[in-house]
PDB file of N, CA and C in Angstrom:
ATOM      1  N   MET A   1       0.820  -1.189   0.000  1.00  0.00           N
ATOM      2  CA  MET A   1       0.000   0.000   0.000  1.00  0.00           C
ATOM      3  C   MET A   1       0.871   1.263   0.000  1.00  0.00           C
ATOM      4  N   LYS A   2       1.934   1.271   0.820  1.00  0.00           N
ATOM      5  CA  LYS A   2       2.828   2.424   0.867  1.00  0.00           C
ATOM      6  C   LYS A   2       3.512   2.636  -0.472  1.00  0.00           C
ATOM      7  N   THR A   3       3.896   1.538  -1.129  1.00  0.00           N
ATOM      8  CA  THR A   3       4.560   1.623  -2.428  1.00  0.00           C
ATOM      9  C   THR A   3       3.620   2.229  -3.466  1.00  0.00           C
ATOM     10  N   LEU A   4       2.374   1.796  -3.463  1.00  0.00           N
ATOM     11  CA  LEU A   4       1.386   2.320  -4.402  1.00  0.00           C
ATOM     12  C   LEU A   4       1.152   3.810  -4.158  1.00  0.00           C
ATOM     13  N   LEU A   5       1.061   4.199  -2.917  1.00  0.00           N
ATOM     14  CA  LEU A   5       0.878   5.608  -2.570  1.00  0.00           C
ATOM     15  C   LEU A   5       2.078   6.435  -3.022  1.00  0.00           C
ATOM     16  N   LEU A   6       3.278   5.911  -2.845  1.00  0.00           N
ATOM     17  CA  LEU A   6       4.499   6.593  -3.272  1.00  0.00           C
ATOM     18  C   LEU A   6       4.529   6.764  -4.791  1.00  0.00           C
ATOM     19  N   ILE A   7       4.093   5.754  -5.518  1.00  0.00           N
ATOM     20  CA  ILE A   7       4.053   5.840  -6.980  1.00  0.00           C
ATOM     21  C   ILE A   7       3.077   6.918  -7.419  1.00  0.00           C
ATOM     22  N   PHE A   8       1.877   6.939  -6.840  1.00  0.00           N
ATOM     23  CA  PHE A   8       0.889   7.965  -7.197  1.00  0.00           C
ATOM     24  C   PHE A   8       1.383   9.370  -6.852  1.00  0.00           C
ATOM     25  N   ALA A   9       2.038   9.501  -5.716  1.00  0.00           N
ATOM     26  CA  ALA A   9       2.568  10.806  -5.319  1.00  0.00           C
ATOM     27  C   ALA A   9       3.658  11.260  -6.289  1.00  0.00           C
ATOM     28  N   SER A  10       4.524  10.335  -6.690  1.00  0.00           N
ATOM     29  CA  SER A  10       5.593  10.682  -7.641  1.00  0.00           C
ATOM     30  C   SER A  10       5.029  11.096  -8.982  1.00  0.00           C
ATOM     31  N   VAL A  11       4.048  10.372  -9.473  1.00  0.00           N
ATOM     32  CA  VAL A  11       3.412  10.718 -10.743  1.00  0.00           C
ATOM     33  C   VAL A  11       2.750  12.090 -10.643  1.00  0.00           C
ATOM     34  N   GLY A  12       2.135  12.377  -9.527  1.00  0.00           N
ATOM     35  CA  GLY A  12       1.494  13.679  -9.324  1.00  0.00           C
ATOM     36  C   GLY A  12       2.500  14.815  -9.355  1.00  0.00           C
ATOM     37  N   VAL A  13       3.621  14.638  -8.695  1.00  0.00           N
ATOM     38  CA  VAL A  13       4.657  15.670  -8.685  1.00  0.00           C
ATOM     39  C   VAL A  13       5.231  15.857 -10.084  1.00  0.00           C
ATOM     40  N   ILE A  14       5.503  14.769 -10.784  1.00  0.00           N
ATOM     41  CA  ILE A  14       6.053  14.858 -12.137  1.00  0.00           C
ATOM     42  C   ILE A  14       5.068  15.560 -13.060  1.00  0.00           C
ATOM     43  N   SER A  15       3.786  15.218 -12.967  1.00  0.00           N
ATOM     44  CA  SER A  15       2.815  15.863 -13.855  1.00  0.00           C
ATOM     45  C   SER A  15       2.604  17.322 -13.486  1.00  0.00           C
ATOM     46  N   LEU A  16       2.768  17.666 -12.234  1.00  0.00           N
ATOM     47  CA  LEU A  16       2.603  19.056 -11.820  1.00  0.00           C
ATOM     48  C   LEU A  16       3.764  19.929 -12.262  1.00  0.00           C
ATOM     49  N   PHE A  17       4.979  19.427 -12.134  1.00  0.00           N
ATOM     50  CA  PHE A  17       6.152  20.232 -12.430  1.00  0.00           C
ATOM     51  C   PHE A  17       6.900  19.797 -13.677  1.00  0.00           C
ATOM     52  N   GLY A  18       6.436  18.796 -14.363  1.00  0.00           N
ATOM     53  CA  GLY A  18       7.069  18.353 -15.600  1.00  0.00           C
ATOM     54  C   GLY A  18       6.967  19.429 -16.661  1.00  0.00           C
ATOM     55  N   SER A  19       7.688  19.275 -17.739  1.00  0.00           N
ATOM     56  CA  SER A  19       7.773  20.311 -18.763  1.00  0.00           C
ATOM     57  C   SER A  19       6.427  20.674 -19.353  1.00  0.00           C
ATOM     58  N   SER A  20       5.493  19.746 -19.417  1.00  0.00           N
ATOM     59  CA  SER A  20       4.193  20.083 -19.998  1.00  0.00           C
ATOM     60  C   SER A  20       3.119  20.253 -18.933  1.00  0.00           C
ATOM     61  N   GLY A  21       3.415  19.928 -17.684  1.00  0.00           N
ATOM     62  CA  GLY A  21       2.395  19.976 -16.656  1.00  0.00           C
ATOM     63  C   GLY A  21       2.275  21.308 -15.943  1.00  0.00           C
ATOM     64  N   TYR A  22       3.332  22.072 -15.866  1.00  0.00           N
ATOM     65  CA  TYR A  22       3.319  23.334 -15.138  1.00  0.00           C
ATOM     66  C   TYR A  22       2.786  24.442 -16.022  1.00  0.00           C
ATOM     67  N   THR A  23       1.768  25.125 -15.545  1.00  0.00           N
ATOM     68  CA  THR A  23       1.244  26.256 -16.297  1.00  0.00           C
ATOM     69  C   THR A  23       1.513  27.525 -15.510  1.00  0.00           C
ATOM     70  N   GLN A  24       1.966  28.536 -16.196  1.00  0.00           N
ATOM     71  CA  GLN A  24       2.270  29.798 -15.551  1.00  0.00           C
ATOM     72  C   GLN A  24       0.989  30.604 -15.376  1.00  0.00           C
ATOM     73  N   THR A  25       0.961  31.387 -14.339  1.00  0.00           N
ATOM     74  CA  THR A  25      -0.185  32.256 -14.126  1.00  0.00           C
ATOM     75  C   THR A  25       0.146  33.651 -14.619  1.00  0.00           C
ATOM     76  N   LYS A  26      -0.880  34.452 -14.808  1.00  0.00           N
ATOM     77  CA  LYS A  26      -0.692  35.819 -15.275  1.00  0.00           C
ATOM     78  C   LYS A  26       0.196  36.601 -14.315  1.00  0.00           C
ATOM     79  N   ASP A  27       0.114  36.292 -13.023  1.00  0.00           N
ATOM     80  CA  ASP A  27       0.875  37.040 -12.024  1.00  0.00           C
ATOM     81  C   ASP A  27       2.357  36.685 -11.980  1.00  0.00           C
ATOM     82  N   ASP A  28       2.769  35.603 -12.640  1.00  0.00           N
ATOM     83  CA  ASP A  28       4.186  35.248 -12.644  1.00  0.00           C
ATOM     84  C   ASP A  28       5.032  36.357 -13.273  1.00  0.00           C
ATOM     85  N   GLY A  29       4.556  36.947 -14.355  1.00  0.00           N
ATOM     86  CA  GLY A  29       5.280  38.039 -15.007  1.00  0.00           C
ATOM     87  C   GLY A  29       5.403  39.248 -14.104  1.00  0.00           C
ATOM     88  N   LYS A  30       4.337  39.563 -13.404  1.00  0.00           N
ATOM     89  CA  LYS A  30       4.359  40.699 -12.478  1.00  0.00           C
ATOM     90  C   LYS A  30       5.356  40.436 -11.349  1.00  0.00           C
ATOM     91  N   THR A  31       5.363  39.217 -10.849  1.00  0.00           N
ATOM     92  CA  THR A  31       6.298  38.847  -9.779  1.00  0.00           C
ATOM     93  C   THR A  31       7.735  39.019 -10.250  1.00  0.00           C
ATOM     94  N   ILE A  32       8.018  38.574 -11.469  1.00  0.00           N
ATOM     95  CA  ILE A  32       9.371  38.709 -12.024  1.00  0.00           C
ATOM     96  C   ILE A  32       9.706  40.177 -12.247  1.00  0.00           C
ATOM     97  N   PHE A  33       8.761  40.961 -12.760  1.00  0.00           N
ATOM     98  CA  PHE A  33       8.946  42.395 -12.991  1.00  0.00           C
ATOM     99  C   PHE A  33       9.368  43.080 -11.680  1.00  0.00           C
ATOM    100  N   LEU A  34       8.647  42.785 -10.614  1.00  0.00           N
ATOM    101  CA  LEU A  34       8.943  43.414  -9.322  1.00  0.00           C
ATOM    102  C   LEU A  34      10.232  42.873  -8.705  1.00  0.00           C
ATOM    103  N   ALA A  35      10.466  41.573  -8.804  1.00  0.00           N
ATOM    104  CA  ALA A  35      11.676  40.978  -8.232  1.00  0.00           C
ATOM    105  C   ALA A  35      12.934  41.450  -8.957  1.00  0.00           C
ATOM    106  N   THR A  36      12.806  41.716 -10.254  1.00  0.00           N
ATOM    107  CA  THR A  36      13.935  42.183 -11.052  1.00  0.00           C
ATOM    108  C   THR A  36      14.115  43.697 -10.903  1.00  0.00           C
ATOM    109  N   LYS A  37      13.194  44.323 -10.196  1.00  0.00           N
ATOM    110  CA  LYS A  37      13.222  45.756  -9.898  1.00  0.00           C
ATOM    111  C   LYS A  37      13.067  46.627 -11.145  1.00  0.00           C
ATOM    112  N   CYS A  38      12.270  46.138 -12.084  1.00  0.00           N
ATOM    113  CA  CYS A  38      11.993  46.916 -13.302  1.00  0.00           C
ATOM    114  C   CYS A  38      11.278  48.228 -12.960  1.00  0.00           C
ATOM    115  N   GLN A  39      10.565  48.236 -11.830  1.00  0.00           N
ATOM    116  CA  GLN A  39       9.814  49.425 -11.416  1.00  0.00           C
ATOM    117  C   GLN A  39      10.724  50.575 -10.977  1.00  0.00           C
ATOM    118  N   LEU A  40      12.017  50.335 -10.874  1.00  0.00           N
ATOM    119  CA  LEU A  40      12.927  51.436 -10.581  1.00  0.00           C
ATOM    120  C   LEU A  40      12.945  52.436 -11.739  1.00  0.00           C
ATOM    121  N   CYS A  41      12.733  51.944 -12.959  1.00  0.00           N
ATOM    122  CA  CYS A  41      12.746  52.806 -14.145  1.00  0.00           C
ATOM    123  C   CYS A  41      11.391  52.904 -14.835  1.00  0.00           C
ATOM    124  N   HIS A  42      10.581  51.863 -14.739  1.00  0.00           N
ATOM    125  CA  HIS A  42       9.320  51.805 -15.477  1.00  0.00           C
ATOM    126  C   HIS A  42       8.129  51.732 -14.540  1.00  0.00           C
ATOM    127  N   SER A  43       7.035  52.321 -14.998  1.00  0.00           N
ATOM    128  CA  SER A  43       5.756  52.146 -14.325  1.00  0.00           C
ATOM    129  C   SER A  43       4.860  51.324 -15.242  1.00  0.00           C
ATOM    130  N   ILE A  44       3.865  50.716 -14.648  1.00  0.00           N
ATOM    131  CA  ILE A  44       2.776  50.092 -15.402  1.00  0.00           C
ATOM    132  C   ILE A  44       1.512  50.532 -14.675  1.00  0.00           C
ATOM    133  N   GLN A  45       1.079  51.737 -14.998  1.00  0.00           N
ATOM    134  CA  GLN A  45      -0.038  52.336 -14.284  1.00  0.00           C
ATOM    135  C   GLN A  45      -1.302  51.503 -14.380  1.00  0.00           C
ATOM    136  N   SER A  46      -1.488  50.786 -15.501  1.00  0.00           N
ATOM    137  CA  SER A  46      -2.675  49.951 -15.652  1.00  0.00           C
ATOM    138  C   SER A  46      -2.696  48.794 -14.653  1.00  0.00           C
ATOM    139  N   ASP A  47      -1.551  48.465 -14.079  1.00  0.00           N
ATOM    140  CA  ASP A  47      -1.450  47.407 -13.071  1.00  0.00           C
ATOM    141  C   ASP A  47      -1.176  47.985 -11.678  1.00  0.00           C
ATOM    142  N   GLY A  48      -1.211  49.295 -11.567  1.00  0.00           N
ATOM    143  CA  GLY A  48      -0.976  49.930 -10.278  1.00  0.00           C
ATOM    144  C   GLY A  48       0.484  49.934  -9.855  1.00  0.00           C
ATOM    145  N   ILE A  49       1.397  49.784 -10.796  1.00  0.00           N
ATOM    146  CA  ILE A  49       2.831  49.774 -10.481  1.00  0.00           C
ATOM    147  C   ILE A  49       3.398  51.150 -10.814  1.00  0.00           C
ATOM    148  N   GLU A  50       3.863  51.840  -9.797  1.00  0.00           N
ATOM    149  CA  GLU A  50       4.445  53.171  -9.968  1.00  0.00           C
ATOM    150  C   GLU A  50       5.965  53.058  -9.997  1.00  0.00           C
ATOM    151  N   ARG A  51       6.582  53.910 -10.767  1.00  0.00           N
ATOM    152  CA  ARG A  51       8.038  53.973 -10.816  1.00  0.00           C
ATOM    153  C   ARG A  51       8.538  54.408  -9.446  1.00  0.00           C
ATOM    154  N   SER A  52       9.582  53.735  -8.954  1.00  0.00           N
ATOM    155  CA  SER A  52      10.070  54.038  -7.611  1.00  0.00           C
ATOM    156  C   SER A  52      11.497  54.567  -7.584  1.00  0.00           C
ATOM    157  N   GLY A  53      12.152  54.621  -8.737  1.00  0.00           N
ATOM    158  CA  GLY A  53      13.527  55.096  -8.775  1.00  0.00           C
ATOM    159  C   GLY A  53      13.637  56.480  -9.372  1.00  0.00           C
ATOM    160  N   LYS A  54      14.851  56.962  -9.489  1.00  0.00           N
ATOM    161  CA  LYS A  54      15.105  58.305 -10.017  1.00  0.00           C
ATOM    162  C   LYS A  54      15.041  58.353 -11.540  1.00  0.00           C
ATOM    163  N   LYS A  55      15.437  57.254 -12.202  1.00  0.00           N
ATOM    164  CA  LYS A  55      15.397  57.224 -13.660  1.00  0.00           C
ATOM    165  C   LYS A  55      13.946  57.093 -14.108  1.00  0.00           C
ATOM    166  N   GLU A  56      13.625  57.778 -15.179  1.00  0.00           N
ATOM    167  CA  GLU A  56      12.255  57.725 -15.663  1.00  0.00           C
ATOM    168  C   GLU A  56      12.220  57.314 -17.127  1.00  0.00           C
ATOM    169  N   TYR A  57      11.735  56.117 -17.348  1.00  0.00           N
ATOM    170  CA  TYR A  57      11.538  55.613 -18.698  1.00  0.00           C
ATOM    171  C   TYR A  57      10.044  55.418 -18.906  1.00  0.00           C
ATOM    172  N   SER A  58       9.672  54.963 -20.056  1.00  0.00           N
ATOM    173  CA  SER A  58       8.265  54.914 -20.427  1.00  0.00           C
ATOM    174  C   SER A  58       7.414  54.028 -19.522  1.00  0.00           C
ATOM    175  N   ASP A  59       6.145  54.427 -19.410  1.00  0.00           N
ATOM    176  CA  ASP A  59       5.136  53.599 -18.776  1.00  0.00           C
ATOM    177  C   ASP A  59       4.860  52.443 -19.740  1.00  0.00           C
ATOM    178  N   LEU A  60       4.768  51.243 -19.234  1.00  0.00           N
ATOM    179  CA  LEU A  60       4.618  50.064 -20.084  1.00  0.00           C
ATOM    180  C   LEU A  60       3.182  49.535 -20.130  1.00  0.00           C
ATOM    181  N   SER A  61       2.222  50.369 -19.758  1.00  0.00           N
ATOM    182  CA  SER A  61       0.827  49.942 -19.722  1.00  0.00           C
ATOM    183  C   SER A  61       0.292  49.461 -21.059  1.00  0.00           C
ATOM    184  N   LYS A  62       0.836  49.958 -22.172  1.00  0.00           N
ATOM    185  CA  LYS A  62       0.337  49.586 -23.490  1.00  0.00           C
ATOM    186  C   LYS A  62       1.440  49.044 -24.399  1.00  0.00           C
ATOM    187  N   ILE A  63       2.499  48.512 -23.810  1.00  0.00           N
ATOM    188  CA  ILE A  63       3.628  48.031 -24.594  1.00  0.00           C
ATOM    189  C   ILE A  63       3.229  46.906 -25.549  1.00  0.00           C
ATOM    190  N   GLY A  64       2.271  46.095 -25.157  1.00  0.00           N
ATOM    191  CA  GLY A  64       1.830  44.984 -25.993  1.00  0.00           C
ATOM    192  C   GLY A  64       1.122  45.420 -27.264  1.00  0.00           C
ATOM    193  N   ALA A  65       0.651  46.657 -27.313  1.00  0.00           N
ATOM    194  CA  ALA A  65       0.021  47.182 -28.531  1.00  0.00           C
ATOM    195  C   ALA A  65       1.081  47.534 -29.576  1.00  0.00           C
ATOM    196  N   LYS A  66       2.322  47.735 -29.120  1.00  0.00           N
ATOM    197  CA  LYS A  66       3.419  48.115 -30.017  1.00  0.00           C
ATOM    198  C   LYS A  66       4.374  46.967 -30.308  1.00  0.00           C
ATOM    199  N   ARG A  67       4.578  46.094 -29.336  1.00  0.00           N
ATOM    200  CA  ARG A  67       5.628  45.076 -29.429  1.00  0.00           C
ATOM    201  C   ARG A  67       5.084  43.690 -29.116  1.00  0.00           C
ATOM    202  N   THR A  68       5.657  42.680 -29.771  1.00  0.00           N
ATOM    203  CA  THR A  68       5.286  41.291 -29.491  1.00  0.00           C
ATOM    204  C   THR A  68       6.118  40.763 -28.326  1.00  0.00           C
ATOM    205  N   ALA A  69       5.675  39.659 -27.757  1.00  0.00           N
ATOM    206  CA  ALA A  69       6.428  39.029 -26.670  1.00  0.00           C
ATOM    207  C   ALA A  69       7.815  38.616 -27.156  1.00  0.00           C
ATOM    208  N   ASP A  70       7.891  38.119 -28.386  1.00  0.00           N
ATOM    209  CA  ASP A  70       9.184  37.702 -28.939  1.00  0.00           C
ATOM    210  C   ASP A  70      10.140  38.891 -29.038  1.00  0.00           C
ATOM    211  N   TRP A  71       9.641  40.011 -29.528  1.00  0.00           N
ATOM    212  CA  TRP A  71      10.486  41.210 -29.651  1.00  0.00           C
ATOM    213  C   TRP A  71      10.919  41.701 -28.270  1.00  0.00           C
ATOM    214  N   ILE A  72       9.986  41.732 -27.321  1.00  0.00           N
ATOM    215  CA  ILE A  72      10.312  42.190 -25.960  1.00  0.00           C
ATOM    216  C   ILE A  72      11.387  41.293 -25.349  1.00  0.00           C
ATOM    217  N   MET A  73      11.254  39.992 -25.540  1.00  0.00           N
ATOM    218  CA  MET A  73      12.247  39.063 -24.997  1.00  0.00           C
ATOM    219  C   MET A  73      13.619  39.347 -25.592  1.00  0.00           C
ATOM    220  N   LYS A  74      13.672  39.565 -26.896  1.00  0.00           N
ATOM    221  CA  LYS A  74      14.955  39.869 -27.537  1.00  0.00           C
ATOM    222  C   LYS A  74      15.518  41.198 -27.026  1.00  0.00           C
ATOM    223  N   TYR A  75      14.662  42.178 -26.823  1.00  0.00           N
ATOM    224  CA  TYR A  75      15.117  43.474 -26.313  1.00  0.00           C
ATOM    225  C   TYR A  75      15.690  43.317 -24.895  1.00  0.00           C
ATOM    226  N   LEU A  76      14.996  42.562 -24.065  1.00  0.00           N
ATOM    227  CA  LEU A  76      15.474  42.348 -22.696  1.00  0.00           C
ATOM    228  C   LEU A  76      16.797  41.594 -22.668  1.00  0.00           C
ATOM    229  N   LYS A  77      17.057  40.794 -23.706  1.00  0.00           N
ATOM    230  CA  LYS A  77      18.315  40.042 -23.799  1.00  0.00           C
ATOM    231  C   LYS A  77      19.362  40.807 -24.610  1.00  0.00           C
ATOM    232  N   LYS A  78      19.066  42.071 -24.928  1.00  0.00           N
ATOM    233  CA  LYS A  78      19.972  42.965 -25.648  1.00  0.00           C
ATOM    234  C   LYS A  78      20.250  42.502 -27.083  1.00  0.00           C
ATOM    235  N   GLN A  79      19.245  41.877 -27.695  1.00  0.00           N
ATOM    236  CA  GLN A  79      19.358  41.434 -29.082  1.00  0.00           C
ATOM    237  C   GLN A  79      18.573  42.346 -30.025  1.00  0.00           C
ATOM    238  N   GLU A  80      17.845  43.296 -29.483  1.00  0.00           N
ATOM    239  CA  GLU A  80      17.084  44.292 -30.247  1.00  0.00           C
ATOM    240  C   GLU A  80      17.392  45.665 -29.667  1.00  0.00           C
ATOM    241  N   THR A  81      17.104  46.696 -30.439  1.00  0.00           N
ATOM    242  CA  THR A  81      17.327  48.063 -29.964  1.00  0.00           C
ATOM    243  C   THR A  81      16.085  48.917 -30.206  1.00  0.00           C
ATOM    244  N   ILE A  82      16.013  50.009 -29.496  1.00  0.00           N
ATOM    245  CA  ILE A  82      15.027  51.063 -29.739  1.00  0.00           C
ATOM    246  C   ILE A  82      15.837  52.301 -30.090  1.00  0.00           C
ATOM    247  N   ASP A  83      15.648  52.767 -31.298  1.00  0.00           N
ATOM    248  CA  ASP A  83      16.418  53.915 -31.802  1.00  0.00           C
ATOM    249  C   ASP A  83      17.921  53.708 -31.616  1.00  0.00           C
ATOM    250  N   GLY A  84      18.373  52.484 -31.870  1.00  0.00           N
ATOM    251  CA  GLY A  84      19.793  52.164 -31.784  1.00  0.00           C
ATOM    252  C   GLY A  84      20.311  51.926 -30.377  1.00  0.00           C
ATOM    253  N   VAL A  85      19.430  51.942 -29.387  1.00  0.00           N
ATOM    254  CA  VAL A  85      19.849  51.780 -27.992  1.00  0.00           C
ATOM    255  C   VAL A  85      19.326  50.451 -27.446  1.00  0.00           C
ATOM    256  N   LYS A  86      20.228  49.687 -26.819  1.00  0.00           N
ATOM    257  CA  LYS A  86      19.844  48.422 -26.198  1.00  0.00           C
ATOM    258  C   LYS A  86      19.279  48.672 -24.807  1.00  0.00           C
ATOM    259  N   HIS A  87      18.562  47.681 -24.280  1.00  0.00           N
ATOM    260  CA  HIS A  87      18.014  47.764 -22.925  1.00  0.00           C
ATOM    261  C   HIS A  87      19.151  48.074 -21.952  1.00  0.00           C
ATOM    262  N   MET A  88      18.887  48.962 -21.020  1.00  0.00           N
ATOM    263  CA  MET A  88      19.937  49.457 -20.129  1.00  0.00           C
ATOM    264  C   MET A  88      20.423  48.412 -19.117  1.00  0.00           C
ATOM    265  N   LYS A  89      19.521  47.621 -18.602  1.00  0.00           N
ATOM    266  CA  LYS A  89      19.864  46.691 -17.530  1.00  0.00           C
ATOM    267  C   LYS A  89      20.229  45.322 -18.083  1.00  0.00           C
ATOM    268  N   VAL A  90      21.244  44.725 -17.510  1.00  0.00           N
ATOM    269  CA  VAL A  90      21.600  43.346 -17.827  1.00  0.00           C
ATOM    270  C   VAL A  90      20.776  42.455 -16.896  1.00  0.00           C
ATOM    271  N   LEU A  91      19.913  41.643 -17.487  1.00  0.00           N
ATOM    272  CA  LEU A  91      19.085  40.752 -16.674  1.00  0.00           C
ATOM    273  C   LEU A  91      19.834  39.464 -16.374  1.00  0.00           C
ATOM    274  N   THR A  92      19.739  39.014 -15.141  1.00  0.00           N
ATOM    275  CA  THR A  92      20.383  37.762 -14.753  1.00  0.00           C
ATOM    276  C   THR A  92      19.372  36.624 -14.703  1.00  0.00           C
ATOM    277  N   ASN A  93      18.135  36.902 -15.094  1.00  0.00           N
ATOM    278  CA  ASN A  93      17.082  35.887 -15.108  1.00  0.00           C
ATOM    279  C   ASN A  93      17.376  34.831 -16.165  1.00  0.00           C
ATOM    280  N   ASN A  94      16.842  33.640 -15.964  1.00  0.00           N
ATOM    281  CA  ASN A  94      16.998  32.595 -16.972  1.00  0.00           C
ATOM    282  C   ASN A  94      16.011  32.843 -18.117  1.00  0.00           C
ATOM    283  N   ASP A  95      16.177  32.098 -19.203  1.00  0.00           N
ATOM    284  CA  ASP A  95      15.351  32.302 -20.398  1.00  0.00           C
ATOM    285  C   ASP A  95      13.861  32.122 -20.118  1.00  0.00           C
ATOM    286  N   THR A  96      13.508  31.171 -19.280  1.00  0.00           N
ATOM    287  CA  THR A  96      12.099  30.931 -18.955  1.00  0.00           C
ATOM    288  C   THR A  96      11.498  32.139 -18.248  1.00  0.00           C
ATOM    289  N   GLU A  97      12.223  32.714 -17.309  1.00  0.00           N
ATOM    290  CA  GLU A  97      11.734  33.891 -16.597  1.00  0.00           C
ATOM    291  C   GLU A  97      11.621  35.092 -17.535  1.00  0.00           C
ATOM    292  N   ILE A  98      12.597  35.270 -18.404  1.00  0.00           N
ATOM    293  CA  ILE A  98      12.547  36.382 -19.354  1.00  0.00           C
ATOM    294  C   ILE A  98      11.376  36.200 -20.309  1.00  0.00           C
ATOM    295  N   GLU A  99      11.139  34.984 -20.739  1.00  0.00           N
ATOM    296  CA  GLU A  99       9.997  34.712 -21.623  1.00  0.00           C
ATOM    297  C   GLU A  99       8.677  34.987 -20.905  1.00  0.00           C
ATOM    298  N   THR A 100       8.570  34.568 -19.656  1.00  0.00           N
ATOM    299  CA  THR A 100       7.371  34.824 -18.859  1.00  0.00           C
ATOM    300  C   THR A 100       7.147  36.325 -18.700  1.00  0.00           C
ATOM    301  N   LEU A 101       8.208  37.056 -18.396  1.00  0.00           N
ATOM    302  CA  LEU A 101       8.126  38.509 -18.264  1.00  0.00           C
ATOM    303  C   LEU A 101       7.704  39.153 -19.575  1.00  0.00           C
ATOM    304  N   ALA A 102       8.308  38.723 -20.677  1.00  0.00           N
ATOM    305  CA  ALA A 102       7.990  39.284 -21.991  1.00  0.00           C
ATOM    306  C   ALA A 102       6.534  39.030 -22.371  1.00  0.00           C
ATOM    307  N   LYS A 103       6.044  37.833 -22.109  1.00  0.00           N
ATOM    308  CA  LYS A 103       4.643  37.516 -22.410  1.00  0.00           C
ATOM    309  C   LYS A 103       3.702  38.357 -21.561  1.00  0.00           C
ATOM    310  N   TRP A 104       4.052  38.537 -20.309  1.00  0.00           N
ATOM    311  CA  TRP A 104       3.222  39.345 -19.427  1.00  0.00           C
ATOM    312  C   TRP A 104       3.215  40.801 -19.899  1.00  0.00           C
ATOM    313  N   LEU A 105       4.375  41.324 -20.233  1.00  0.00           N
ATOM    314  CA  LEU A 105       4.435  42.708 -20.734  1.00  0.00           C
ATOM    315  C   LEU A 105       3.634  42.843 -22.021  1.00  0.00           C
ATOM    316  N   ALA A 106       3.753  41.870 -22.919  1.00  0.00           N
ATOM    317  CA  ALA A 106       3.037  41.917 -24.201  1.00  0.00           C
ATOM    318  C   ALA A 106       1.520  41.846 -24.015  1.00  0.00           C
ATOM    319  N   SER A 107       1.074  41.345 -22.888  1.00  0.00           N
ATOM    320  CA  SER A 107      -0.370  41.272 -22.630  1.00  0.00           C
ATOM    321  C   SER A 107      -0.959  42.636 -22.282  1.00  0.00           C
ATOM    322  N   HIS A 108      -0.118  43.615 -22.038  1.00  0.00           N
ATOM    323  CA  HIS A 108      -0.580  44.968 -21.710  1.00  0.00           C
ATOM    324  C   HIS A 108      -0.840  45.729 -23.005  1.00  0.00           C
ATOM    325  N   LYS A 109      -2.121  45.894 -23.329  1.00  0.00           N
ATOM    326  CA  LYS A 109      -2.483  46.535 -24.601  1.00  0.00           C
ATOM    327  C   LYS A 109      -3.344  47.732 -24.427  1.00  0.00           C
TER     328      LYS A 109
END
């Protein structure tokens, strides 16, 4: 009985966190945005996020109307530019986190 219970528990954990079982929530991008301290330079007024630092860059409330998630991800990884300028901050996040952040930003239209 214990062995059977252990097998079911293992299958449950694998399906929950396996590559196809884990689904991200809309708030994951916001969590990454705040943890990465993007709000030091950017606001997202539509989400109630106010800029908290001295540098002032654009409000990102409607960034998704201008840019795709793919483009945003490339910009955050310094592979794209805006008017010849790359993103100022070097992100130390992994690709999955950057993709989650980019998708969340792109959802702001």
